[in-house]
């Protein structure tokens, strides 16, 4: 089963994403921020990371940079899910190494389709 690690500081958003992903047939792990996501990856691999852009502590772009700097996770697909849709912020995401960008509010079927596409891109665990 494909496992998605969701990093978002909003408890309600984490729960909504977990529900949609589980209904779509994915395994889910939840992290409260980027640092928590990195800690969890140390103990339990994931196939895709879905992260909010703006979080206290280690935000989504810093998380993405940290993943790209580590050979173990260099090819792990990272999707940024955020309300920020301006070109400058998207460029910052690309520069950090994000695989893709999704806008909030999200369409559940589109989210599941994108997760399916990018999960096929990552290296096998």
PDB file of N, CA and C in Angstrom:
ATOM      1  N   UNK A   1       0.843  -1.179   0.000  1.00  0.00           N
ATOM      2  CA  UNK A   1       0.000   0.000   0.000  1.00  0.00           C
ATOM      3  C   UNK A   1       0.889   1.244   0.000  1.00  0.00           C
ATOM      4  N   UNK A   2       0.578   2.179  -0.853  1.00  0.00           N
ATOM      5  CA  UNK A   2       1.311   3.445  -0.911  1.00  0.00           C
ATOM      6  C   UNK A   2       1.023   4.251   0.349  1.00  0.00           C
ATOM      7  N   UNK A   3       2.088   4.752   0.965  1.00  0.00           N
ATOM      8  CA  UNK A   3       1.943   5.522   2.197  1.00  0.00           C
ATOM      9  C   UNK A   3       2.272   6.985   1.943  1.00  0.00           C
ATOM     10  N   UNK A   4       1.386   7.858   2.417  1.00  0.00           N
ATOM     11  CA  UNK A   4       1.549   9.307   2.285  1.00  0.00           C
ATOM     12  C   UNK A   4       1.794   9.894   3.673  1.00  0.00           C
ATOM     13  N   UNK A   5       2.870  10.653   3.795  1.00  0.00           N
ATOM     14  CA  UNK A   5       3.147  11.388   5.027  1.00  0.00           C
ATOM     15  C   UNK A   5       2.630  12.809   4.843  1.00  0.00           C
ATOM     16  N   UNK A   6       1.664  13.187   5.659  1.00  0.00           N
ATOM     17  CA  UNK A   6       1.045  14.512   5.593  1.00  0.00           C
ATOM     18  C   UNK A   6       1.641  15.383   6.695  1.00  0.00           C
ATOM     19  N   UNK A   7       2.216  16.526   6.314  1.00  0.00           N
ATOM     20  CA  UNK A   7       2.757  17.482   7.284  1.00  0.00           C
ATOM     21  C   UNK A   7       1.954  18.775   7.176  1.00  0.00           C
ATOM     22  N   UNK A   8       1.196  19.071   8.223  1.00  0.00           N
ATOM     23  CA  UNK A   8       0.384  20.293   8.244  1.00  0.00           C
ATOM     24  C   UNK A   8       0.163  20.678   9.697  1.00  0.00           C
ATOM     25  N   UNK A   9       0.297  21.968  10.012  1.00  0.00           N
ATOM     26  CA  UNK A   9       0.127  22.406  11.386  1.00  0.00           C
ATOM     27  C   UNK A   9      -1.324  22.517  11.813  1.00  0.00           C
ATOM     28  N   UNK A  10      -2.262  22.423  10.895  1.00  0.00           N
ATOM     29  CA  UNK A  10      -3.682  22.510  11.219  1.00  0.00           C
ATOM     30  C   UNK A  10      -4.250  21.121  11.485  1.00  0.00           C
ATOM     31  N   UNK A  11      -4.717  20.867  12.718  1.00  0.00           N
ATOM     32  CA  UNK A  11      -5.299  19.558  13.016  1.00  0.00           C
ATOM     33  C   UNK A  11      -6.483  19.209  12.109  1.00  0.00           C
ATOM     34  N   UNK A  12      -7.324  20.185  11.803  1.00  0.00           N
ATOM     35  CA  UNK A  12      -8.484  19.896  10.954  1.00  0.00           C
ATOM     36  C   UNK A  12      -8.055  19.558   9.524  1.00  0.00           C
ATOM     37  N   UNK A  13      -7.036  20.223   9.017  1.00  0.00           N
ATOM     38  CA  UNK A  13      -6.558  19.913   7.670  1.00  0.00           C
ATOM     39  C   UNK A  13      -5.904  18.531   7.647  1.00  0.00           C
ATOM     40  N   UNK A  14      -5.131  18.202   8.679  1.00  0.00           N
ATOM     41  CA  UNK A  14      -4.532  16.863   8.739  1.00  0.00           C
ATOM     42  C   UNK A  14      -5.610  15.793   8.718  1.00  0.00           C
ATOM     43  N   UNK A  15      -6.660  15.999   9.494  1.00  0.00           N
ATOM     44  CA  UNK A  15      -7.718  15.000   9.559  1.00  0.00           C
ATOM     45  C   UNK A  15      -8.486  14.900   8.237  1.00  0.00           C
ATOM     46  N   UNK A  16      -8.742  16.031   7.599  1.00  0.00           N
ATOM     47  CA  UNK A  16      -9.441  16.018   6.314  1.00  0.00           C
ATOM     48  C   UNK A  16      -8.606  15.296   5.263  1.00  0.00           C
ATOM     49  N   UNK A  17      -7.320  15.609   5.197  1.00  0.00           N
ATOM     50  CA  UNK A  17      -6.442  14.951   4.235  1.00  0.00           C
ATOM     51  C   UNK A  17      -6.334  13.453   4.522  1.00  0.00           C
ATOM     52  N   UNK A  18      -6.220  13.098   5.802  1.00  0.00           N
ATOM     53  CA  UNK A  18      -6.136  11.680   6.165  1.00  0.00           C
ATOM     54  C   UNK A  18      -7.389  10.938   5.719  1.00  0.00           C
ATOM     55  N   UNK A  19      -8.544  11.541   5.929  1.00  0.00           N
ATOM     56  CA  UNK A  19      -9.802  10.906   5.520  1.00  0.00           C
ATOM     57  C   UNK A  19      -9.842  10.680   4.006  1.00  0.00           C
ATOM     58  N   UNK A  20      -9.531  11.717   3.244  1.00  0.00           N
ATOM     59  CA  UNK A  20      -9.562  11.607   1.771  1.00  0.00           C
ATOM     60  C   UNK A  20      -8.564  10.551   1.299  1.00  0.00           C
ATOM     61  N   UNK A  21      -7.360  10.572   1.848  1.00  0.00           N
ATOM     62  CA  UNK A  21      -6.329   9.632   1.419  1.00  0.00           C
ATOM     63  C   UNK A  21      -6.684   8.194   1.789  1.00  0.00           C
ATOM     64  N   UNK A  22      -7.191   7.986   2.995  1.00  0.00           N
ATOM     65  CA  UNK A  22      -7.580   6.628   3.399  1.00  0.00           C
ATOM     66  C   UNK A  22      -8.731   6.111   2.544  1.00  0.00           C
ATOM     67  N   UNK A  23      -9.701   6.979   2.283  1.00  0.00           N
ATOM     68  CA  UNK A  23     -10.815   6.592   1.406  1.00  0.00           C
ATOM     69  C   UNK A  23     -10.311   6.250   0.004  1.00  0.00           C
ATOM     70  N   UNK A  24      -9.206   6.869  -0.405  1.00  0.00           N
ATOM     71  CA  UNK A  24      -8.608   6.605  -1.710  1.00  0.00           C
ATOM     72  C   UNK A  24      -7.705   5.384  -1.722  1.00  0.00           C
ATOM     73  N   UNK A  25      -7.565   4.721  -0.579  1.00  0.00           N
ATOM     74  CA  UNK A  25      -6.785   3.494  -0.523  1.00  0.00           C
ATOM     75  C   UNK A  25      -5.330   3.662  -0.130  1.00  0.00           C
ATOM     76  N   UNK A  26      -4.972   4.820   0.395  1.00  0.00           N
ATOM     77  CA  UNK A  26      -3.594   5.084   0.790  1.00  0.00           C
ATOM     78  C   UNK A  26      -3.408   4.901   2.288  1.00  0.00           C
ATOM     79  N   UNK A  27      -2.201   4.487   2.670  1.00  0.00           N
ATOM     80  CA  UNK A  27      -1.812   4.528   4.065  1.00  0.00           C
ATOM     81  C   UNK A  27      -1.416   5.957   4.391  1.00  0.00           C
ATOM     82  N   UNK A  28      -1.604   6.359   5.635  1.00  0.00           N
ATOM     83  CA  UNK A  28      -1.368   7.755   6.006  1.00  0.00           C
ATOM     84  C   UNK A  28      -0.595   7.830   7.320  1.00  0.00           C
ATOM     85  N   UNK A  29       0.379   8.722   7.364  1.00  0.00           N
ATOM     86  CA  UNK A  29       1.050   9.124   8.593  1.00  0.00           C
ATOM     87  C   UNK A  29       0.885  10.635   8.699  1.00  0.00           C
ATOM     88  N   UNK A  30       0.740  11.134   9.915  1.00  0.00           N
ATOM     89  CA  UNK A  30       0.481  12.557  10.123  1.00  0.00           C
ATOM     90  C   UNK A  30       1.602  13.200  10.928  1.00  0.00           C
ATOM     91  N   UNK A  31       2.059  14.363  10.470  1.00  0.00           N
ATOM     92  CA  UNK A  31       3.102  15.133  11.154  1.00  0.00           C
ATOM     93  C   UNK A  31       2.590  16.549  11.378  1.00  0.00           C
ATOM     94  N   UNK A  32       2.971  17.145  12.500  1.00  0.00           N
ATOM     95  CA  UNK A  32       2.486  18.485  12.850  1.00  0.00           C
ATOM     96  C   UNK A  32       3.302  19.602  12.215  1.00  0.00           C
ATOM     97  N   UNK A  33       4.495  19.275  11.700  1.00  0.00           N
ATOM     98  CA  UNK A  33       5.334  20.255  11.014  1.00  0.00           C
ATOM     99  C   UNK A  33       6.461  19.508  10.307  1.00  0.00           C
ATOM    100  N   UNK A  34       7.355  20.258   9.681  1.00  0.00           N
ATOM    101  CA  UNK A  34       8.427  19.637   8.925  1.00  0.00           C
ATOM    102  C   UNK A  34       9.393  18.839   9.782  1.00  0.00           C
ATOM    103  N   UNK A  35       9.708  19.343  10.967  1.00  0.00           N
ATOM    104  CA  UNK A  35      10.628  18.622  11.855  1.00  0.00           C
ATOM    105  C   UNK A  35      10.019  17.289  12.275  1.00  0.00           C
ATOM    106  N   UNK A  36       8.739  17.282  12.575  1.00  0.00           N
ATOM    107  CA  UNK A  36       8.048  16.049  12.936  1.00  0.00           C
ATOM    108  C   UNK A  36       8.052  15.082  11.751  1.00  0.00           C
ATOM    109  N   UNK A  37       7.869  15.589  10.552  1.00  0.00           N
ATOM    110  CA  UNK A  37       7.896  14.739   9.356  1.00  0.00           C
ATOM    111  C   UNK A  37       9.263  14.081   9.199  1.00  0.00           C
ATOM    112  N   UNK A  38      10.337  14.838   9.380  1.00  0.00           N
ATOM    113  CA  UNK A  38      11.688  14.269   9.275  1.00  0.00           C
ATOM    114  C   UNK A  38      11.916  13.194  10.330  1.00  0.00           C
ATOM    115  N   UNK A  39      11.456  13.444  11.560  1.00  0.00           N
ATOM    116  CA  UNK A  39      11.597  12.441  12.631  1.00  0.00           C
ATOM    117  C   UNK A  39      10.855  11.163  12.254  1.00  0.00           C
ATOM    118  N   UNK A  40       9.648  11.317  11.717  1.00  0.00           N
ATOM    119  CA  UNK A  40       8.870  10.133  11.363  1.00  0.00           C
ATOM    120  C   UNK A  40       9.517   9.345  10.231  1.00  0.00           C
ATOM    121  N   UNK A  41      10.081  10.034   9.253  1.00  0.00           N
ATOM    122  CA  UNK A  41      10.735   9.346   8.141  1.00  0.00           C
ATOM    123  C   UNK A  41      11.947   8.539   8.605  1.00  0.00           C
ATOM    124  N   UNK A  42      12.570   8.959   9.684  1.00  0.00           N
ATOM    125  CA  UNK A  42      13.707   8.211  10.232  1.00  0.00           C
ATOM    126  C   UNK A  42      13.279   6.813  10.665  1.00  0.00           C
ATOM    127  N   UNK A  43      12.033   6.662  11.083  1.00  0.00           N
ATOM    128  CA  UNK A  43      11.557   5.392  11.639  1.00  0.00           C
ATOM    129  C   UNK A  43      10.611   4.632  10.725  1.00  0.00           C
ATOM    130  N   UNK A  44       9.923   5.338   9.852  1.00  0.00           N
ATOM    131  CA  UNK A  44       8.920   4.707   8.997  1.00  0.00           C
ATOM    132  C   UNK A  44       8.917   5.375   7.630  1.00  0.00           C
ATOM    133  N   UNK A  45       9.329   4.664   6.581  1.00  0.00           N
ATOM    134  CA  UNK A  45       9.382   5.272   5.253  1.00  0.00           C
ATOM    135  C   UNK A  45       7.994   5.629   4.722  1.00  0.00           C
ATOM    136  N   UNK A  46       7.979   6.564   3.803  1.00  0.00           N
ATOM    137  CA  UNK A  46       6.755   6.954   3.109  1.00  0.00           C
ATOM    138  C   UNK A  46       7.057   6.960   1.610  1.00  0.00           C
ATOM    139  N   UNK A  47       6.008   6.914   0.818  1.00  0.00           N
ATOM    140  CA  UNK A  47       6.151   6.921  -0.636  1.00  0.00           C
ATOM    141  C   UNK A  47       5.962   8.312  -1.227  1.00  0.00           C
ATOM    142  N   UNK A  48       5.227   9.168  -0.499  1.00  0.00           N
ATOM    143  CA  UNK A  48       4.944  10.542  -0.934  1.00  0.00           C
ATOM    144  C   UNK A  48       4.855  11.399   0.321  1.00  0.00           C
ATOM    145  N   UNK A  49       5.360  12.623   0.237  1.00  0.00           N
ATOM    146  CA  UNK A  49       5.169  13.608   1.304  1.00  0.00           C
ATOM    147  C   UNK A  49       4.247  14.684   0.759  1.00  0.00           C
ATOM    148  N   UNK A  50       3.221  15.002   1.529  1.00  0.00           N
ATOM    149  CA  UNK A  50       2.275  16.070   1.214  1.00  0.00           C
ATOM    150  C   UNK A  50       2.404  17.086   2.335  1.00  0.00           C
ATOM    151  N   UNK A  51       2.900  18.285   2.017  1.00  0.00           N
ATOM    152  CA  UNK A  51       3.199  19.248   3.067  1.00  0.00           C
ATOM    153  C   UNK A  51       2.562  20.609   2.813  1.00  0.00           C
ATOM    154  N   UNK A  52       2.155  21.229   3.907  1.00  0.00           N
ATOM    155  CA  UNK A  52       1.729  22.618   3.870  1.00  0.00           C
ATOM    156  C   UNK A  52       2.985  23.461   3.642  1.00  0.00           C
ATOM    157  N   UNK A  53       2.813  24.607   3.042  1.00  0.00           N
ATOM    158  CA  UNK A  53       3.948  25.486   2.784  1.00  0.00           C
ATOM    159  C   UNK A  53       4.331  26.255   4.046  1.00  0.00           C
ATOM    160  N   UNK A  54       3.349  26.852   4.696  1.00  0.00           N
ATOM    161  CA  UNK A  54       3.603  27.715   5.850  1.00  0.00           C
ATOM    162  C   UNK A  54       3.225  27.003   7.131  1.00  0.00           C
ATOM    163  N   UNK A  55       4.250  26.683   7.932  1.00  0.00           N
ATOM    164  CA  UNK A  55       4.055  26.066   9.244  1.00  0.00           C
ATOM    165  C   UNK A  55       5.087  26.665  10.182  1.00  0.00           C
ATOM    166  N   UNK A  56       4.763  26.740  11.466  1.00  0.00           N
ATOM    167  CA  UNK A  56       5.781  27.199  12.415  1.00  0.00           C
ATOM    168  C   UNK A  56       6.921  26.181  12.477  1.00  0.00           C
ATOM    169  N   UNK A  57       8.076  26.646  12.883  1.00  0.00           N
ATOM    170  CA  UNK A  57       9.227  25.740  12.937  1.00  0.00           C
ATOM    171  C   UNK A  57       9.747  25.481  11.537  1.00  0.00           C
ATOM    172  N   UNK A  58       9.870  24.234  11.186  1.00  0.00           N
ATOM    173  CA  UNK A  58      10.355  23.840   9.870  1.00  0.00           C
ATOM    174  C   UNK A  58       9.172  23.812   8.904  1.00  0.00           C
ATOM    175  N   UNK A  59       9.124  24.796   7.992  1.00  0.00           N
ATOM    176  CA  UNK A  59       7.982  24.879   7.069  1.00  0.00           C
ATOM    177  C   UNK A  59       8.159  23.899   5.908  1.00  0.00           C
ATOM    178  N   UNK A  60       7.180  23.888   5.010  1.00  0.00           N
ATOM    179  CA  UNK A  60       7.171  22.929   3.912  1.00  0.00           C
ATOM    180  C   UNK A  60       8.329  23.071   2.942  1.00  0.00           C
ATOM    181  N   UNK A  61       8.750  24.295   2.662  1.00  0.00           N
ATOM    182  CA  UNK A  61       9.877  24.473   1.743  1.00  0.00           C
ATOM    183  C   UNK A  61      11.190  24.055   2.392  1.00  0.00           C
ATOM    184  N   UNK A  62      11.357  24.348   3.672  1.00  0.00           N
ATOM    185  CA  UNK A  62      12.552  23.900   4.388  1.00  0.00           C
ATOM    186  C   UNK A  62      12.563  22.373   4.494  1.00  0.00           C
ATOM    187  N   UNK A  63      11.403  21.778   4.718  1.00  0.00           N
ATOM    188  CA  UNK A  63      11.294  20.323   4.729  1.00  0.00           C
ATOM    189  C   UNK A  63      11.716  19.758   3.380  1.00  0.00           C
ATOM    190  N   UNK A  64      11.241  20.352   2.309  1.00  0.00           N
ATOM    191  CA  UNK A  64      11.588  19.886   0.964  1.00  0.00           C
ATOM    192  C   UNK A  64      13.089  19.981   0.724  1.00  0.00           C
ATOM    193  N   UNK A  65      13.695  21.096   1.109  1.00  0.00           N
ATOM    194  CA  UNK A  65      15.144  21.252   0.954  1.00  0.00           C
ATOM    195  C   UNK A  65      15.904  20.192   1.761  1.00  0.00           C
ATOM    196  N   UNK A  66      15.438  19.919   2.975  1.00  0.00           N
ATOM    197  CA  UNK A  66      16.090  18.907   3.810  1.00  0.00           C
ATOM    198  C   UNK A  66      15.975  17.523   3.174  1.00  0.00           C
ATOM    199  N   UNK A  67      14.830  17.215   2.601  1.00  0.00           N
ATOM    200  CA  UNK A  67      14.659  15.916   1.939  1.00  0.00           C
ATOM    201  C   UNK A  67      15.559  15.799   0.717  1.00  0.00           C
ATOM    202  N   UNK A  68      15.661  16.857  -0.052  1.00  0.00           N
ATOM    203  CA  UNK A  68      16.501  16.821  -1.259  1.00  0.00           C
ATOM    204  C   UNK A  68      17.987  16.751  -0.924  1.00  0.00           C
ATOM    205  N   UNK A  69      18.368  17.228   0.252  1.00  0.00           N
ATOM    206  CA  UNK A  69      19.776  17.209   0.661  1.00  0.00           C
ATOM    207  C   UNK A  69      20.206  15.845   1.209  1.00  0.00           C
ATOM    208  N   UNK A  70      19.239  14.985   1.517  1.00  0.00           N
ATOM    209  CA  UNK A  70      19.536  13.676   2.103  1.00  0.00           C
ATOM    210  C   UNK A  70      19.414  12.601   1.031  1.00  0.00           C
ATOM    211  N   UNK A  71      20.484  11.851   0.760  1.00  0.00           N
ATOM    212  CA  UNK A  71      20.441  10.837  -0.302  1.00  0.00           C
ATOM    213  C   UNK A  71      19.322   9.813  -0.133  1.00  0.00           C
ATOM    214  N   UNK A  72      18.912   9.546   1.104  1.00  0.00           N
ATOM    215  CA  UNK A  72      17.837   8.571   1.332  1.00  0.00           C
ATOM    216  C   UNK A  72      16.502   9.039   0.774  1.00  0.00           C
ATOM    217  N   UNK A  73      16.286  10.344   0.739  1.00  0.00           N
ATOM    218  CA  UNK A  73      14.984  10.885   0.350  1.00  0.00           C
ATOM    219  C   UNK A  73      15.049  11.807  -0.852  1.00  0.00           C
ATOM    220  N   UNK A  74      16.176  11.823  -1.524  1.00  0.00           N
ATOM    221  CA  UNK A  74      16.374  12.735  -2.648  1.00  0.00           C
ATOM    222  C   UNK A  74      15.289  12.575  -3.720  1.00  0.00           C
ATOM    223  N   UNK A  75      14.822  11.354  -3.931  1.00  0.00           N
ATOM    224  CA  UNK A  75      13.844  11.094  -4.994  1.00  0.00           C
ATOM    225  C   UNK A  75      12.423  10.908  -4.466  1.00  0.00           C
ATOM    226  N   UNK A  76      12.213  11.145  -3.191  1.00  0.00           N
ATOM    227  CA  UNK A  76      10.884  11.019  -2.603  1.00  0.00           C
ATOM    228  C   UNK A  76       9.989  12.141  -3.137  1.00  0.00           C
ATOM    229  N   UNK A  77       8.853  11.802  -3.750  1.00  0.00           N
ATOM    230  CA  UNK A  77       7.973  12.866  -4.247  1.00  0.00           C
ATOM    231  C   UNK A  77       7.445  13.740  -3.101  1.00  0.00           C
ATOM    232  N   UNK A  78       7.521  15.050  -3.294  1.00  0.00           N
ATOM    233  CA  UNK A  78       7.044  16.016  -2.305  1.00  0.00           C
ATOM    234  C   UNK A  78       6.052  16.943  -2.993  1.00  0.00           C
ATOM    235  N   UNK A  79       4.823  16.947  -2.480  1.00  0.00           N
ATOM    236  CA  UNK A  79       3.784  17.846  -2.980  1.00  0.00           C
ATOM    237  C   UNK A  79       3.523  18.917  -1.935  1.00  0.00           C
ATOM    238  N   UNK A  80       3.476  20.163  -2.374  1.00  0.00           N
ATOM    239  CA  UNK A  80       3.180  21.283  -1.488  1.00  0.00           C
ATOM    240  C   UNK A  80       1.712  21.639  -1.672  1.00  0.00           C
ATOM    241  N   UNK A  81       0.978  21.648  -0.560  1.00  0.00           N
ATOM    242  CA  UNK A  81      -0.441  21.982  -0.566  1.00  0.00           C
ATOM    243  C   UNK A  81      -0.615  23.270   0.237  1.00  0.00           C
ATOM    244  N   UNK A  82      -1.063  24.339  -0.427  1.00  0.00           N
ATOM    245  CA  UNK A  82      -1.105  25.633   0.249  1.00  0.00           C
ATOM    246  C   UNK A  82      -2.111  26.578  -0.392  1.00  0.00           C
ATOM    247  N   UNK A  83      -2.415  27.637   0.318  1.00  0.00           N
ATOM    248  CA  UNK A  83      -3.278  28.690  -0.229  1.00  0.00           C
ATOM    249  C   UNK A  83      -2.472  29.637  -1.114  1.00  0.00           C
ATOM    250  N   UNK A  84      -1.143  29.576  -1.030  1.00  0.00           N
ATOM    251  CA  UNK A  84      -0.274  30.451  -1.820  1.00  0.00           C
ATOM    252  C   UNK A  84      -0.216  29.953  -3.260  1.00  0.00           C
ATOM    253  N   UNK A  85      -0.698  30.751  -4.200  1.00  0.00           N
ATOM    254  CA  UNK A  85      -0.694  30.320  -5.600  1.00  0.00           C
ATOM    255  C   UNK A  85       0.026  31.304  -6.514  1.00  0.00           C
ATOM    256  N   UNK A  86       0.720  32.278  -5.922  1.00  0.00           N
ATOM    257  CA  UNK A  86       1.412  33.254  -6.763  1.00  0.00           C
ATOM    258  C   UNK A  86       2.668  32.632  -7.373  1.00  0.00           C
ATOM    259  N   UNK A  87       3.110  33.186  -8.483  1.00  0.00           N
ATOM    260  CA  UNK A  87       4.236  32.633  -9.242  1.00  0.00           C
ATOM    261  C   UNK A  87       5.525  32.611  -8.424  1.00  0.00           C
ATOM    262  N   UNK A  88       5.761  33.633  -7.611  1.00  0.00           N
ATOM    263  CA  UNK A  88       6.986  33.688  -6.816  1.00  0.00           C
ATOM    264  C   UNK A  88       7.073  32.556  -5.804  1.00  0.00           C
ATOM    265  N   UNK A  89       5.966  32.265  -5.149  1.00  0.00           N
ATOM    266  CA  UNK A  89       5.949  31.185  -4.166  1.00  0.00           C
ATOM    267  C   UNK A  89       6.092  29.836  -4.854  1.00  0.00           C
ATOM    268  N   UNK A  90       5.443  29.668  -5.993  1.00  0.00           N
ATOM    269  CA  UNK A  90       5.597  28.416  -6.749  1.00  0.00           C
ATOM    270  C   UNK A  90       7.044  28.236  -7.197  1.00  0.00           C
ATOM    271  N   UNK A  91       7.683  29.316  -7.622  1.00  0.00           N
ATOM    272  CA  UNK A  91       9.084  29.242  -8.028  1.00  0.00           C
ATOM    273  C   UNK A  91       9.961  28.847  -6.849  1.00  0.00           C
ATOM    274  N   UNK A  92       9.660  29.374  -5.678  1.00  0.00           N
ATOM    275  CA  UNK A  92      10.420  28.995  -4.487  1.00  0.00           C
ATOM    276  C   UNK A  92      10.250  27.507  -4.195  1.00  0.00           C
ATOM    277  N   UNK A  93       9.054  26.986  -4.417  1.00  0.00           N
ATOM    278  CA  UNK A  93       8.817  25.555  -4.243  1.00  0.00           C
ATOM    279  C   UNK A  93       9.611  24.721  -5.227  1.00  0.00           C
ATOM    280  N   UNK A  94       9.643  25.148  -6.481  1.00  0.00           N
ATOM    281  CA  UNK A  94      10.434  24.433  -7.490  1.00  0.00           C
ATOM    282  C   UNK A  94      11.915  24.479  -7.138  1.00  0.00           C
ATOM    283  N   UNK A  95      12.381  25.653  -6.698  1.00  0.00           N
ATOM    284  CA  UNK A  95      13.788  25.800  -6.337  1.00  0.00           C
ATOM    285  C   UNK A  95      14.152  24.906  -5.143  1.00  0.00           C
ATOM    286  N   UNK A  96      13.206  24.702  -4.235  1.00  0.00           N
ATOM    287  CA  UNK A  96      13.445  23.834  -3.079  1.00  0.00           C
ATOM    288  C   UNK A  96      13.462  22.362  -3.475  1.00  0.00           C
ATOM    289  N   UNK A  97      12.852  22.052  -4.632  1.00  0.00           N
ATOM    290  CA  UNK A  97      12.829  20.668  -5.103  1.00  0.00           C
ATOM    291  C   UNK A  97      11.482  20.004  -5.032  1.00  0.00           C
ATOM    292  N   UNK A  98      10.418  20.786  -4.847  1.00  0.00           N
ATOM    293  CA  UNK A  98       9.080  20.197  -4.785  1.00  0.00           C
ATOM    294  C   UNK A  98       8.730  19.519  -6.108  1.00  0.00           C
ATOM    295  N   UNK A  99       8.058  18.394  -6.000  1.00  0.00           N
ATOM    296  CA  UNK A  99       7.622  17.642  -7.171  1.00  0.00           C
ATOM    297  C   UNK A  99       6.407  18.308  -7.810  1.00  0.00           C
ATOM    298  N   UNK A 100       5.542  18.880  -6.960  1.00  0.00           N
ATOM    299  CA  UNK A 100       4.331  19.513  -7.461  1.00  0.00           C
ATOM    300  C   UNK A 100       3.726  20.440  -6.438  1.00  0.00           C
ATOM    301  N   UNK A 101       2.669  21.137  -6.872  1.00  0.00           N
ATOM    302  CA  UNK A 101       2.040  22.196  -6.094  1.00  0.00           C
ATOM    303  C   UNK A 101       0.535  22.051  -6.214  1.00  0.00           C
ATOM    304  N   UNK A 102      -0.164  22.010  -5.088  1.00  0.00           N
ATOM    305  CA  UNK A 102      -1.624  21.917  -5.087  1.00  0.00           C
ATOM    306  C   UNK A 102      -2.188  23.065  -4.258  1.00  0.00           C
ATOM    307  N   UNK A 103      -3.273  23.642  -4.759  1.00  0.00           N
ATOM    308  CA  UNK A 103      -3.882  24.779  -4.069  1.00  0.00           C
ATOM    309  C   UNK A 103      -4.964  24.327  -3.103  1.00  0.00           C
ATOM    310  N   UNK A 104      -5.038  25.007  -1.958  1.00  0.00           N
ATOM    311  CA  UNK A 104      -6.157  24.862  -1.020  1.00  0.00           C
ATOM    312  C   UNK A 104      -7.178  25.913  -1.391  1.00  0.00           C
ATOM    313  N   UNK A 105      -8.446  25.650  -1.304  1.00  0.00           N
ATOM    314  CA  UNK A 105      -9.014  24.345  -0.990  1.00  0.00           C
ATOM    315  C   UNK A 105      -8.770  23.374  -2.136  1.00  0.00           C
ATOM    316  N   UNK A 106      -8.660  22.096  -1.794  1.00  0.00           N
ATOM    317  CA  UNK A 106      -8.324  21.089  -2.792  1.00  0.00           C
ATOM    318  C   UNK A 106      -9.563  20.276  -3.178  1.00  0.00           C
ATOM    319  N   UNK A 107      -9.521  19.748  -4.382  1.00  0.00           N
ATOM    320  CA  UNK A 107     -10.554  18.836  -4.861  1.00  0.00           C
ATOM    321  C   UNK A 107     -10.075  17.421  -4.528  1.00  0.00           C
ATOM    322  N   UNK A 108     -10.835  16.654  -3.748  1.00  0.00           N
ATOM    323  CA  UNK A 108     -10.377  15.322  -3.345  1.00  0.00           C
ATOM    324  C   UNK A 108      -9.984  14.412  -4.511  1.00  0.00           C
ATOM    325  N   UNK A 109     -10.773  14.401  -5.567  1.00  0.00           N
ATOM    326  CA  UNK A 109     -10.444  13.503  -6.680  1.00  0.00           C
ATOM    327  C   UNK A 109      -9.156  13.943  -7.383  1.00  0.00           C
ATOM    328  N   UNK A 110      -8.936  15.246  -7.492  1.00  0.00           N
ATOM    329  CA  UNK A 110      -7.693  15.738  -8.091  1.00  0.00           C
ATOM    330  C   UNK A 110      -6.499  15.406  -7.207  1.00  0.00           C
ATOM    331  N   UNK A 111      -6.662  15.561  -5.904  1.00  0.00           N
ATOM    332  CA  UNK A 111      -5.591  15.226  -4.970  1.00  0.00           C
ATOM    333  C   UNK A 111      -5.207  13.755  -5.112  1.00  0.00           C
ATOM    334  N   UNK A 112      -6.201  12.876  -5.140  1.00  0.00           N
ATOM    335  CA  UNK A 112      -5.926  11.446  -5.263  1.00  0.00           C
ATOM    336  C   UNK A 112      -5.247  11.125  -6.592  1.00  0.00           C
ATOM    337  N   UNK A 113      -5.664  11.789  -7.656  1.00  0.00           N
ATOM    338  CA  UNK A 113      -5.050  11.555  -8.969  1.00  0.00           C
ATOM    339  C   UNK A 113      -3.584  11.971  -8.963  1.00  0.00           C
ATOM    340  N   UNK A 114      -3.285  13.114  -8.378  1.00  0.00           N
ATOM    341  CA  UNK A 114      -1.899  13.596  -8.328  1.00  0.00           C
ATOM    342  C   UNK A 114      -1.046  12.687  -7.445  1.00  0.00           C
ATOM    343  N   UNK A 115      -1.580  12.266  -6.308  1.00  0.00           N
ATOM    344  CA  UNK A 115      -0.846  11.348  -5.434  1.00  0.00           C
ATOM    345  C   UNK A 115      -0.527  10.064  -6.206  1.00  0.00           C
ATOM    346  N   UNK A 116      -1.481   9.553  -6.952  1.00  0.00           N
ATOM    347  CA  UNK A 116      -1.256   8.357  -7.750  1.00  0.00           C
ATOM    348  C   UNK A 116      -0.170   8.558  -8.789  1.00  0.00           C
ATOM    349  N   UNK A 117      -0.171   9.702  -9.426  1.00  0.00           N
ATOM    350  CA  UNK A 117       0.845   9.982 -10.447  1.00  0.00           C
ATOM    351  C   UNK A 117       2.238  10.079  -9.845  1.00  0.00           C
ATOM    352  N   UNK A 118       2.381  10.850  -8.771  1.00  0.00           N
ATOM    353  CA  UNK A 118       3.721  11.061  -8.224  1.00  0.00           C
ATOM    354  C   UNK A 118       4.240   9.856  -7.456  1.00  0.00           C
ATOM    355  N   UNK A 119       3.347   9.047  -6.907  1.00  0.00           N
ATOM    356  CA  UNK A 119       3.830   7.868  -6.164  1.00  0.00           C
ATOM    357  C   UNK A 119       4.532   6.895  -7.084  1.00  0.00           C
ATOM    358  N   UNK A 120       4.171   6.900  -8.341  1.00  0.00           N
ATOM    359  CA  UNK A 120       4.836   6.041  -9.320  1.00  0.00           C
ATOM    360  C   UNK A 120       6.213   6.575  -9.684  1.00  0.00           C
ATOM    361  N   UNK A 121       6.506   7.843  -9.355  1.00  0.00           N
ATOM    362  CA  UNK A 121       7.780   8.474  -9.703  1.00  0.00           C
ATOM    363  C   UNK A 121       8.890   8.165  -8.707  1.00  0.00           C
ATOM    364  N   UNK A 122       8.526   7.922  -7.449  1.00  0.00           N
ATOM    365  CA  UNK A 122       9.536   7.746  -6.410  1.00  0.00           C
ATOM    366  C   UNK A 122      10.260   6.429  -6.542  1.00  0.00           C
ATOM    367  N   UNK A 123      11.409   6.339  -5.877  1.00  0.00           N
ATOM    368  CA  UNK A 123      12.161   5.086  -5.858  1.00  0.00           C
ATOM    369  C   UNK A 123      11.476   4.110  -4.915  1.00  0.00           C
ATOM    370  N   UNK A 124      11.558   2.823  -5.195  1.00  0.00           N
ATOM    371  CA  UNK A 124      10.979   1.837  -4.295  1.00  0.00           C
ATOM    372  C   UNK A 124      11.607   1.930  -2.906  1.00  0.00           C
ATOM    373  N   UNK A 125      10.805   1.662  -1.880  1.00  0.00           N
ATOM    374  CA  UNK A 125      11.329   1.704  -0.516  1.00  0.00           C
ATOM    375  C   UNK A 125      12.194   0.501  -0.267  1.00  0.00           C
TER     376      UNK A 125
END
